[in-house]
Amino acid sequence: MSNATSQSPQPGSLAKVAAGHWTLDPAGTSVRVQHKTFWGLVTVKGVFTKVSGDGELLAGGGAHGSVTIDAASLDTKNAKRDTHLRTADFFDVDKHPSLVFTATDVTPTGDGTARVTGDLTVIGVSRELSFTAQASEISADAVTLTAAIPVDRKEFGMTWNQANMLKPLTSVTITARFTRQSS
């Protein structure tokens, strides 16, 4: 497929990427979180440092797949806070070591974007999410998608909130780079 070899993003070209098996490139992927705390006065930022995944791109550009995040890999640059986030108050990593997003439908929508629908599972609770992802790289061998997703932690049973300091929404920004696997 000669027109899928361009290295720069091209509007609407996600539908032209060749079908096949794709694997998440951890080195080109980041999962960042931001959460307002102290009654909205402070924003805590963190990054999950261990992530994996794969997917299947279908003819015509539709896709499905999954991204698995190591819950214990969250790094907010504060060891005491990170230890607390690993407890049953939040991610309960002893019982639930992974957060998983299973994309059931990824459909190109034009202008280098795709509509993504799937299920996010956090601490054993699954919720459907739909969002738009923007392509920043489209080539024959790699596709990078970025999306900012608001997530309500209470929907997943994360209700710890001492002195009502935490806002309900967490902003998750994922940049996921997938590379084509040879047959």
N, C-alpha and C. Protein backbone atom coordinates (compact mmCIF):
# COMPACT_ATOMS: atom_id res chain seq x y z
N MET A 1 0.85 -1.18 0.00
CA MET A 1 0.00 0.00 0.00
C MET A 1 0.89 1.23 0.00
N SER A 2 1.18 1.73 -1.14
CA SER A 2 2.16 2.78 -1.28
C SER A 2 1.74 4.10 -0.65
N ASN A 3 0.47 4.44 -0.60
CA ASN A 3 0.08 5.72 -0.02
C ASN A 3 0.00 5.68 1.49
N ALA A 4 0.32 4.58 2.16
CA ALA A 4 0.36 4.51 3.62
C ALA A 4 1.77 4.67 4.15
N THR A 5 2.73 5.04 3.30
CA THR A 5 4.12 5.11 3.73
C THR A 5 4.56 6.49 4.16
N SER A 6 3.75 7.48 4.08
CA SER A 6 4.13 8.83 4.47
C SER A 6 4.44 8.89 5.97
N GLN A 7 5.46 9.67 6.34
CA GLN A 7 5.86 9.78 7.74
C GLN A 7 5.12 10.90 8.47
N SER A 8 4.51 11.83 7.78
CA SER A 8 3.84 12.94 8.44
C SER A 8 2.34 12.70 8.49
N PRO A 9 1.68 13.27 9.55
CA PRO A 9 0.24 13.10 9.65
C PRO A 9 -0.47 13.70 8.44
N GLN A 10 -1.50 13.04 8.01
CA GLN A 10 -2.30 13.53 6.91
C GLN A 10 -3.76 13.44 7.32
N PRO A 11 -4.49 14.55 7.21
CA PRO A 11 -5.89 14.52 7.60
C PRO A 11 -6.65 13.38 6.95
N GLY A 12 -7.37 12.63 7.74
CA GLY A 12 -8.21 11.57 7.23
C GLY A 12 -7.47 10.30 6.86
N SER A 13 -6.15 10.26 7.02
CA SER A 13 -5.38 9.12 6.55
C SER A 13 -5.40 7.93 7.49
N LEU A 14 -5.99 8.01 8.66
CA LEU A 14 -6.07 6.84 9.54
C LEU A 14 -6.79 5.69 8.87
N ALA A 15 -7.78 5.99 8.06
CA ALA A 15 -8.53 4.94 7.37
C ALA A 15 -7.69 4.23 6.31
N LYS A 16 -6.56 4.84 5.92
CA LYS A 16 -5.73 4.26 4.87
C LYS A 16 -4.58 3.42 5.42
N VAL A 17 -4.42 3.38 6.76
CA VAL A 17 -3.36 2.57 7.35
C VAL A 17 -3.73 1.11 7.16
N ALA A 18 -2.76 0.31 6.74
CA ALA A 18 -3.02 -1.09 6.39
C ALA A 18 -3.42 -1.93 7.60
N ALA A 19 -4.30 -2.87 7.35
CA ALA A 19 -4.78 -3.77 8.39
C ALA A 19 -3.64 -4.65 8.89
N GLY A 20 -3.80 -5.14 10.13
CA GLY A 20 -2.81 -6.04 10.69
C GLY A 20 -2.76 -5.95 12.20
N HIS A 21 -1.79 -6.65 12.77
CA HIS A 21 -1.59 -6.68 14.22
C HIS A 21 -0.60 -5.58 14.60
N TRP A 22 -0.94 -4.80 15.62
CA TRP A 22 -0.12 -3.69 16.07
C TRP A 22 0.16 -3.87 17.56
N THR A 23 1.37 -3.48 18.00
CA THR A 23 1.76 -3.60 19.40
C THR A 23 2.10 -2.22 19.95
N LEU A 24 1.71 -1.97 21.19
CA LEU A 24 2.00 -0.70 21.85
C LEU A 24 3.51 -0.59 22.08
N ASP A 25 4.08 0.54 21.74
CA ASP A 25 5.49 0.82 21.95
C ASP A 25 5.62 1.57 23.28
N PRO A 26 6.05 0.90 24.37
CA PRO A 26 6.13 1.56 25.67
C PRO A 26 7.03 2.80 25.68
N ALA A 27 8.09 2.79 24.87
CA ALA A 27 9.01 3.94 24.83
C ALA A 27 8.35 5.17 24.20
N GLY A 28 7.37 4.97 23.33
CA GLY A 28 6.69 6.08 22.67
C GLY A 28 5.32 6.36 23.25
N THR A 29 5.04 5.79 24.42
CA THR A 29 3.72 5.89 25.04
C THR A 29 3.83 6.54 26.41
N SER A 30 2.86 7.37 26.75
CA SER A 30 2.80 7.93 28.11
C SER A 30 1.34 7.97 28.57
N VAL A 31 1.16 7.71 29.86
CA VAL A 31 -0.15 7.82 30.48
C VAL A 31 0.02 8.74 31.69
N ARG A 32 -0.51 9.95 31.55
CA ARG A 32 -0.36 10.98 32.59
C ARG A 32 -1.71 11.27 33.25
N VAL A 33 -1.66 11.57 34.54
CA VAL A 33 -2.87 11.94 35.26
C VAL A 33 -2.66 13.29 35.94
N GLN A 34 -3.75 14.02 36.06
CA GLN A 34 -3.78 15.27 36.82
C GLN A 34 -5.05 15.27 37.64
N HIS A 35 -4.91 15.65 38.91
CA HIS A 35 -6.07 15.66 39.79
C HIS A 35 -5.99 16.85 40.72
N LYS A 36 -7.09 17.61 40.76
CA LYS A 36 -7.16 18.76 41.66
C LYS A 36 -7.38 18.27 43.09
N THR A 37 -6.61 18.84 44.01
CA THR A 37 -6.72 18.48 45.42
C THR A 37 -6.63 19.77 46.25
N PHE A 38 -6.70 19.63 47.54
CA PHE A 38 -6.72 20.77 48.44
C PHE A 38 -7.75 21.80 47.97
N TRP A 39 -8.98 21.29 47.81
CA TRP A 39 -10.15 22.07 47.44
C TRP A 39 -9.97 22.78 46.10
N GLY A 40 -9.21 22.17 45.21
CA GLY A 40 -9.00 22.71 43.87
C GLY A 40 -7.84 23.69 43.75
N LEU A 41 -7.09 23.89 44.84
CA LEU A 41 -5.99 24.85 44.82
C LEU A 41 -4.68 24.27 44.31
N VAL A 42 -4.52 22.95 44.38
CA VAL A 42 -3.28 22.29 43.97
C VAL A 42 -3.63 21.20 42.96
N THR A 43 -2.81 21.06 41.95
CA THR A 43 -2.98 19.98 40.97
C THR A 43 -1.86 18.98 41.16
N VAL A 44 -2.24 17.75 41.50
CA VAL A 44 -1.27 16.66 41.61
C VAL A 44 -1.12 16.04 40.23
N LYS A 45 0.13 15.87 39.80
CA LYS A 45 0.40 15.28 38.50
C LYS A 45 1.21 14.00 38.69
N GLY A 46 0.94 13.03 37.82
CA GLY A 46 1.69 11.79 37.89
C GLY A 46 1.73 11.11 36.54
N VAL A 47 2.57 10.09 36.45
CA VAL A 47 2.70 9.32 35.21
C VAL A 47 2.80 7.84 35.57
N PHE A 48 2.09 7.01 34.82
CA PHE A 48 2.23 5.57 34.94
C PHE A 48 3.42 5.19 34.07
N THR A 49 4.42 4.53 34.67
CA THR A 49 5.66 4.27 33.95
C THR A 49 5.70 2.91 33.26
N LYS A 50 4.75 2.03 33.54
CA LYS A 50 4.73 0.71 32.89
C LYS A 50 3.39 0.50 32.21
N VAL A 51 3.44 0.34 30.89
CA VAL A 51 2.23 0.18 30.09
C VAL A 51 2.53 -0.79 28.94
N SER A 52 1.52 -1.58 28.58
CA SER A 52 1.65 -2.50 27.45
C SER A 52 0.32 -2.57 26.72
N GLY A 53 0.32 -3.17 25.55
CA GLY A 53 -0.94 -3.32 24.82
C GLY A 53 -0.73 -3.77 23.40
N ASP A 54 -1.84 -4.09 22.76
CA ASP A 54 -1.82 -4.46 21.36
C ASP A 54 -3.21 -4.29 20.78
N GLY A 55 -3.29 -4.44 19.47
CA GLY A 55 -4.57 -4.28 18.81
C GLY A 55 -4.55 -4.84 17.41
N GLU A 56 -5.73 -4.87 16.83
CA GLU A 56 -5.91 -5.37 15.48
C GLU A 56 -6.58 -4.26 14.67
N LEU A 57 -5.91 -3.84 13.61
CA LEU A 57 -6.47 -2.85 12.70
C LEU A 57 -7.14 -3.60 11.57
N LEU A 58 -8.40 -3.29 11.34
CA LEU A 58 -9.18 -3.97 10.32
C LEU A 58 -9.13 -3.20 9.00
N ALA A 59 -9.43 -3.86 7.91
CA ALA A 59 -9.50 -3.19 6.61
C ALA A 59 -10.51 -2.04 6.70
N GLY A 60 -10.18 -0.88 6.19
CA GLY A 60 -11.07 0.27 6.25
C GLY A 60 -10.80 1.16 7.43
N GLY A 61 -9.91 0.75 8.36
CA GLY A 61 -9.50 1.63 9.44
C GLY A 61 -10.08 1.36 10.80
N GLY A 62 -11.13 0.56 10.93
CA GLY A 62 -11.65 0.23 12.25
C GLY A 62 -10.63 -0.59 13.01
N ALA A 63 -10.70 -0.58 14.34
CA ALA A 63 -9.73 -1.32 15.14
C ALA A 63 -10.33 -1.69 16.48
N HIS A 64 -9.65 -2.60 17.16
CA HIS A 64 -9.97 -2.95 18.54
C HIS A 64 -8.67 -3.42 19.18
N GLY A 65 -8.62 -3.39 20.51
CA GLY A 65 -7.41 -3.81 21.21
C GLY A 65 -7.47 -3.43 22.67
N SER A 66 -6.33 -3.50 23.35
CA SER A 66 -6.32 -3.16 24.77
C SER A 66 -4.99 -2.53 25.18
N VAL A 67 -5.08 -1.74 26.24
CA VAL A 67 -3.91 -1.13 26.87
C VAL A 67 -3.97 -1.52 28.34
N THR A 68 -2.86 -2.06 28.86
CA THR A 68 -2.78 -2.48 30.26
C THR A 68 -1.75 -1.60 30.96
N ILE A 69 -2.15 -1.04 32.09
CA ILE A 69 -1.30 -0.13 32.86
C ILE A 69 -1.01 -0.78 34.21
N ASP A 70 0.26 -0.82 34.58
CA ASP A 70 0.67 -1.33 35.89
C ASP A 70 0.29 -0.27 36.93
N ALA A 71 -0.69 -0.59 37.77
CA ALA A 71 -1.22 0.38 38.74
C ALA A 71 -0.15 0.85 39.72
N ALA A 72 0.78 -0.04 40.08
CA ALA A 72 1.82 0.32 41.04
C ALA A 72 2.89 1.21 40.44
N SER A 73 2.87 1.42 39.12
CA SER A 73 3.91 2.22 38.47
C SER A 73 3.61 3.72 38.49
N LEU A 74 2.51 4.14 39.13
CA LEU A 74 2.18 5.57 39.19
C LEU A 74 3.24 6.32 39.99
N ASP A 75 3.81 7.33 39.38
CA ASP A 75 4.85 8.14 40.00
C ASP A 75 4.41 9.60 40.00
N THR A 76 4.17 10.14 41.22
CA THR A 76 3.78 11.54 41.37
C THR A 76 4.93 12.39 41.92
N LYS A 77 6.10 11.79 42.01
CA LYS A 77 7.30 12.46 42.55
C LYS A 77 7.16 12.75 44.04
N ASN A 78 6.29 11.99 44.73
CA ASN A 78 6.13 12.10 46.18
C ASN A 78 5.93 10.67 46.71
N ALA A 79 6.97 10.09 47.29
CA ALA A 79 6.95 8.68 47.70
C ALA A 79 5.82 8.38 48.69
N LYS A 80 5.58 9.26 49.64
CA LYS A 80 4.51 9.03 50.63
C LYS A 80 3.14 8.99 49.94
N ARG A 81 2.91 9.93 49.04
CA ARG A 81 1.64 9.96 48.31
C ARG A 81 1.51 8.72 47.42
N ASP A 82 2.59 8.36 46.72
CA ASP A 82 2.56 7.19 45.84
C ASP A 82 2.23 5.92 46.63
N THR A 83 2.80 5.78 47.81
CA THR A 83 2.50 4.62 48.67
C THR A 83 1.02 4.61 49.03
N HIS A 84 0.46 5.78 49.37
CA HIS A 84 -0.98 5.86 49.71
C HIS A 84 -1.85 5.52 48.50
N LEU A 85 -1.46 5.97 47.32
CA LEU A 85 -2.24 5.69 46.11
C LEU A 85 -2.28 4.20 45.79
N ARG A 86 -1.32 3.44 46.28
CA ARG A 86 -1.27 1.99 46.03
C ARG A 86 -2.15 1.21 47.01
N THR A 87 -2.67 1.86 48.06
CA THR A 87 -3.47 1.18 49.08
C THR A 87 -4.92 1.01 48.63
N ALA A 88 -5.70 0.35 49.48
CA ALA A 88 -7.13 0.12 49.20
C ALA A 88 -7.92 1.44 49.13
N ASP A 89 -7.37 2.55 49.63
CA ASP A 89 -8.05 3.84 49.51
C ASP A 89 -8.18 4.27 48.05
N PHE A 90 -7.26 3.79 47.20
CA PHE A 90 -7.25 4.19 45.80
C PHE A 90 -7.15 2.98 44.88
N PHE A 91 -5.93 2.62 44.43
CA PHE A 91 -5.77 1.60 43.40
C PHE A 91 -5.71 0.17 43.93
N ASP A 92 -5.53 -0.02 45.21
CA ASP A 92 -5.53 -1.36 45.81
C ASP A 92 -4.71 -2.34 44.97
N VAL A 93 -3.44 -2.00 44.76
CA VAL A 93 -2.61 -2.75 43.81
C VAL A 93 -2.36 -4.20 44.21
N ASP A 94 -2.49 -4.53 45.50
CA ASP A 94 -2.32 -5.93 45.90
C ASP A 94 -3.42 -6.81 45.31
N LYS A 95 -4.64 -6.29 45.23
CA LYS A 95 -5.77 -7.04 44.67
C LYS A 95 -6.00 -6.75 43.19
N HIS A 96 -5.62 -5.55 42.76
CA HIS A 96 -5.89 -5.11 41.38
C HIS A 96 -4.62 -4.48 40.79
N PRO A 97 -3.68 -5.32 40.34
CA PRO A 97 -2.39 -4.79 39.89
C PRO A 97 -2.43 -4.01 38.58
N SER A 98 -3.52 -4.11 37.82
CA SER A 98 -3.56 -3.45 36.51
C SER A 98 -4.83 -2.64 36.31
N LEU A 99 -4.70 -1.59 35.53
CA LEU A 99 -5.82 -0.86 34.98
C LEU A 99 -5.84 -1.25 33.51
N VAL A 100 -7.02 -1.55 32.97
CA VAL A 100 -7.09 -2.03 31.59
C VAL A 100 -8.15 -1.24 30.83
N PHE A 101 -7.76 -0.74 29.65
CA PHE A 101 -8.72 -0.16 28.73
C PHE A 101 -8.82 -1.09 27.53
N THR A 102 -10.03 -1.60 27.29
CA THR A 102 -10.28 -2.48 26.15
C THR A 102 -11.09 -1.71 25.13
N ALA A 103 -10.45 -1.36 24.03
CA ALA A 103 -11.12 -0.63 22.96
C ALA A 103 -11.94 -1.62 22.14
N THR A 104 -13.24 -1.43 22.13
CA THR A 104 -14.11 -2.31 21.36
C THR A 104 -14.37 -1.77 19.96
N ASP A 105 -14.19 -0.45 19.78
CA ASP A 105 -14.40 0.16 18.48
C ASP A 105 -13.55 1.41 18.35
N VAL A 106 -12.69 1.43 17.36
CA VAL A 106 -11.90 2.61 17.02
C VAL A 106 -12.21 2.90 15.56
N THR A 107 -12.83 4.05 15.32
CA THR A 107 -13.29 4.39 13.97
C THR A 107 -12.71 5.72 13.54
N PRO A 108 -11.98 5.77 12.41
CA PRO A 108 -11.49 7.04 11.90
C PRO A 108 -12.65 7.99 11.62
N THR A 109 -12.47 9.26 12.00
CA THR A 109 -13.54 10.25 11.81
C THR A 109 -13.11 11.38 10.88
N GLY A 110 -11.91 11.31 10.33
CA GLY A 110 -11.43 12.36 9.44
C GLY A 110 -10.49 13.30 10.16
N ASP A 111 -9.75 14.08 9.38
CA ASP A 111 -8.80 15.06 9.91
C ASP A 111 -7.82 14.46 10.91
N GLY A 112 -7.44 13.19 10.72
CA GLY A 112 -6.46 12.56 11.59
C GLY A 112 -6.98 12.24 12.97
N THR A 113 -8.30 12.09 13.11
CA THR A 113 -8.88 11.74 14.40
C THR A 113 -9.59 10.40 14.32
N ALA A 114 -9.84 9.84 15.49
CA ALA A 114 -10.58 8.58 15.58
C ALA A 114 -11.49 8.64 16.79
N ARG A 115 -12.67 8.07 16.66
CA ARG A 115 -13.61 7.94 17.78
C ARG A 115 -13.31 6.60 18.43
N VAL A 116 -13.02 6.62 19.74
CA VAL A 116 -12.65 5.43 20.48
C VAL A 116 -13.73 5.13 21.51
N THR A 117 -14.22 3.90 21.52
CA THR A 117 -15.20 3.44 22.50
C THR A 117 -14.68 2.15 23.10
N GLY A 118 -14.82 2.02 24.41
CA GLY A 118 -14.36 0.81 25.06
C GLY A 118 -14.66 0.83 26.53
N ASP A 119 -14.09 -0.13 27.24
CA ASP A 119 -14.32 -0.28 28.67
C ASP A 119 -13.02 -0.06 29.43
N LEU A 120 -13.09 0.80 30.46
CA LEU A 120 -11.98 1.02 31.37
C LEU A 120 -12.27 0.25 32.64
N THR A 121 -11.33 -0.60 33.06
CA THR A 121 -11.48 -1.36 34.29
C THR A 121 -10.43 -0.89 35.29
N VAL A 122 -10.91 -0.40 36.43
CA VAL A 122 -10.07 0.08 37.52
C VAL A 122 -10.59 -0.56 38.79
N ILE A 123 -9.73 -1.12 39.57
CA ILE A 123 -10.04 -1.85 40.81
C ILE A 123 -11.24 -2.78 40.67
N GLY A 124 -11.29 -3.47 39.55
CA GLY A 124 -12.33 -4.47 39.32
C GLY A 124 -13.66 -3.93 38.84
N VAL A 125 -13.75 -2.62 38.63
CA VAL A 125 -14.99 -1.99 38.17
C VAL A 125 -14.79 -1.51 36.74
N SER A 126 -15.70 -1.90 35.84
CA SER A 126 -15.60 -1.50 34.44
C SER A 126 -16.67 -0.47 34.09
N ARG A 127 -16.26 0.53 33.33
CA ARG A 127 -17.17 1.57 32.83
C ARG A 127 -16.84 1.83 31.37
N GLU A 128 -17.89 2.08 30.59
CA GLU A 128 -17.68 2.42 29.19
C GLU A 128 -17.21 3.86 29.07
N LEU A 129 -16.24 4.06 28.18
CA LEU A 129 -15.74 5.40 27.86
C LEU A 129 -15.78 5.58 26.35
N SER A 130 -16.07 6.80 25.92
CA SER A 130 -15.97 7.18 24.51
C SER A 130 -15.25 8.51 24.46
N PHE A 131 -14.31 8.62 23.54
CA PHE A 131 -13.54 9.86 23.42
C PHE A 131 -12.95 9.95 22.01
N THR A 132 -12.45 11.12 21.68
CA THR A 132 -11.81 11.34 20.39
C THR A 132 -10.30 11.37 20.60
N ALA A 133 -9.57 10.64 19.77
CA ALA A 133 -8.12 10.63 19.79
C ALA A 133 -7.59 11.33 18.54
N GLN A 134 -6.52 12.07 18.70
CA GLN A 134 -5.89 12.80 17.61
C GLN A 134 -4.59 12.11 17.21
N ALA A 135 -4.39 11.87 15.93
CA ALA A 135 -3.16 11.25 15.45
C ALA A 135 -2.08 12.31 15.29
N SER A 136 -0.89 12.02 15.82
CA SER A 136 0.25 12.91 15.62
C SER A 136 1.31 12.24 14.75
N GLU A 137 1.14 10.95 14.51
CA GLU A 137 2.04 10.20 13.62
C GLU A 137 1.21 9.15 12.91
N ILE A 138 1.34 9.12 11.60
CA ILE A 138 0.68 8.10 10.80
C ILE A 138 1.66 7.68 9.72
N SER A 139 2.09 6.43 9.77
CA SER A 139 2.97 5.91 8.73
C SER A 139 2.62 4.45 8.50
N ALA A 140 3.33 3.82 7.61
CA ALA A 140 3.06 2.41 7.32
C ALA A 140 3.38 1.51 8.50
N ASP A 141 4.29 1.97 9.37
CA ASP A 141 4.74 1.11 10.46
C ASP A 141 4.44 1.64 11.85
N ALA A 142 3.88 2.85 11.98
CA ALA A 142 3.61 3.41 13.31
C ALA A 142 2.44 4.39 13.27
N VAL A 143 1.66 4.35 14.33
CA VAL A 143 0.56 5.30 14.52
C VAL A 143 0.61 5.75 15.97
N THR A 144 0.57 7.06 16.19
CA THR A 144 0.53 7.61 17.54
C THR A 144 -0.75 8.40 17.70
N LEU A 145 -1.51 8.05 18.73
CA LEU A 145 -2.78 8.70 19.04
C LEU A 145 -2.69 9.33 20.43
N THR A 146 -3.29 10.52 20.58
CA THR A 146 -3.31 11.21 21.87
C THR A 146 -4.74 11.58 22.20
N ALA A 147 -5.11 11.39 23.47
CA ALA A 147 -6.45 11.76 23.92
C ALA A 147 -6.39 12.24 25.36
N ALA A 148 -7.21 13.23 25.67
CA ALA A 148 -7.40 13.70 27.04
C ALA A 148 -8.79 13.22 27.48
N ILE A 149 -8.83 12.51 28.59
CA ILE A 149 -10.06 11.85 29.00
C ILE A 149 -10.38 12.21 30.45
N PRO A 150 -11.53 12.82 30.72
CA PRO A 150 -11.92 13.04 32.11
C PRO A 150 -12.48 11.74 32.69
N VAL A 151 -12.01 11.38 33.88
CA VAL A 151 -12.47 10.15 34.53
C VAL A 151 -12.94 10.50 35.94
N ASP A 152 -14.16 10.10 36.28
CA ASP A 152 -14.71 10.32 37.61
C ASP A 152 -14.32 9.12 38.48
N ARG A 153 -13.40 9.33 39.41
CA ARG A 153 -12.89 8.23 40.23
C ARG A 153 -13.98 7.57 41.06
N LYS A 154 -15.02 8.31 41.41
CA LYS A 154 -16.12 7.74 42.21
C LYS A 154 -16.86 6.65 41.44
N GLU A 155 -16.91 6.75 40.10
CA GLU A 155 -17.57 5.72 39.29
C GLU A 155 -16.87 4.37 39.39
N PHE A 156 -15.63 4.39 39.86
CA PHE A 156 -14.86 3.15 40.00
C PHE A 156 -14.73 2.74 41.47
N GLY A 157 -15.48 3.40 42.34
CA GLY A 157 -15.45 3.03 43.75
C GLY A 157 -14.34 3.69 44.56
N MET A 158 -13.65 4.65 43.98
CA MET A 158 -12.61 5.38 44.72
C MET A 158 -13.26 6.55 45.42
N THR A 159 -13.67 6.33 46.64
CA THR A 159 -14.43 7.35 47.36
C THR A 159 -13.66 8.01 48.49
N TRP A 160 -12.43 7.58 48.76
CA TRP A 160 -11.65 8.19 49.83
C TRP A 160 -11.48 9.67 49.52
N ASN A 161 -11.79 10.52 50.50
CA ASN A 161 -11.72 11.96 50.28
C ASN A 161 -11.68 12.65 51.63
N GLN A 162 -10.54 12.60 52.29
CA GLN A 162 -10.38 13.21 53.61
C GLN A 162 -10.66 14.71 53.55
N ALA A 163 -11.52 15.17 54.43
CA ALA A 163 -11.89 16.59 54.54
C ALA A 163 -12.41 17.16 53.22
N ASN A 164 -12.94 16.27 52.37
CA ASN A 164 -13.51 16.68 51.08
C ASN A 164 -12.51 17.48 50.24
N MET A 165 -11.22 17.08 50.30
CA MET A 165 -10.15 17.80 49.61
C MET A 165 -10.06 17.51 48.12
N LEU A 166 -10.54 16.35 47.68
CA LEU A 166 -10.35 15.93 46.30
C LEU A 166 -11.54 16.26 45.41
N LYS A 167 -11.26 16.81 44.25
CA LYS A 167 -12.30 17.00 43.24
C LYS A 167 -12.63 15.64 42.64
N PRO A 168 -13.85 15.45 42.10
CA PRO A 168 -14.22 14.12 41.60
C PRO A 168 -13.53 13.70 40.30
N LEU A 169 -13.19 14.64 39.43
CA LEU A 169 -12.64 14.27 38.13
C LEU A 169 -11.12 14.25 38.11
N THR A 170 -10.60 13.22 37.46
CA THR A 170 -9.17 13.11 37.17
C THR A 170 -9.02 13.25 35.67
N SER A 171 -8.05 14.02 35.24
CA SER A 171 -7.78 14.16 33.82
C SER A 171 -6.68 13.16 33.46
N VAL A 172 -6.97 12.28 32.51
CA VAL A 172 -6.00 11.30 32.04
C VAL A 172 -5.64 11.67 30.60
N THR A 173 -4.35 11.83 30.35
CA THR A 173 -3.88 12.10 28.99
C THR A 173 -3.01 10.93 28.57
N ILE A 174 -3.43 10.28 27.50
CA ILE A 174 -2.67 9.15 26.99
C ILE A 174 -2.16 9.46 25.59
N THR A 175 -0.88 9.21 25.41
CA THR A 175 -0.27 9.23 24.09
C THR A 175 0.18 7.80 23.85
N ALA A 176 -0.46 7.14 22.89
CA ALA A 176 -0.21 5.72 22.63
C ALA A 176 0.39 5.55 21.24
N ARG A 177 1.60 5.02 21.21
CA ARG A 177 2.27 4.77 19.92
C ARG A 177 2.22 3.26 19.65
N PHE A 178 1.62 2.91 18.52
CA PHE A 178 1.50 1.51 18.11
C PHE A 178 2.40 1.28 16.90
N THR A 179 3.07 0.14 16.88
CA THR A 179 3.90 -0.23 15.74
C THR A 179 3.38 -1.50 15.11
N ARG A 180 3.50 -1.58 13.80
CA ARG A 180 3.02 -2.74 13.05
C ARG A 180 3.92 -3.93 13.34
N GLN A 181 3.29 -5.08 13.53
CA GLN A 181 4.03 -6.32 13.71
C GLN A 181 4.09 -7.05 12.39
N SER A 182 5.26 -7.55 12.06
CA SER A 182 5.40 -8.26 10.79
C SER A 182 4.69 -9.59 10.85
N SER A 183 4.19 -10.04 9.73
CA SER A 183 3.41 -11.27 9.65
C SER A 183 4.25 -12.50 9.88
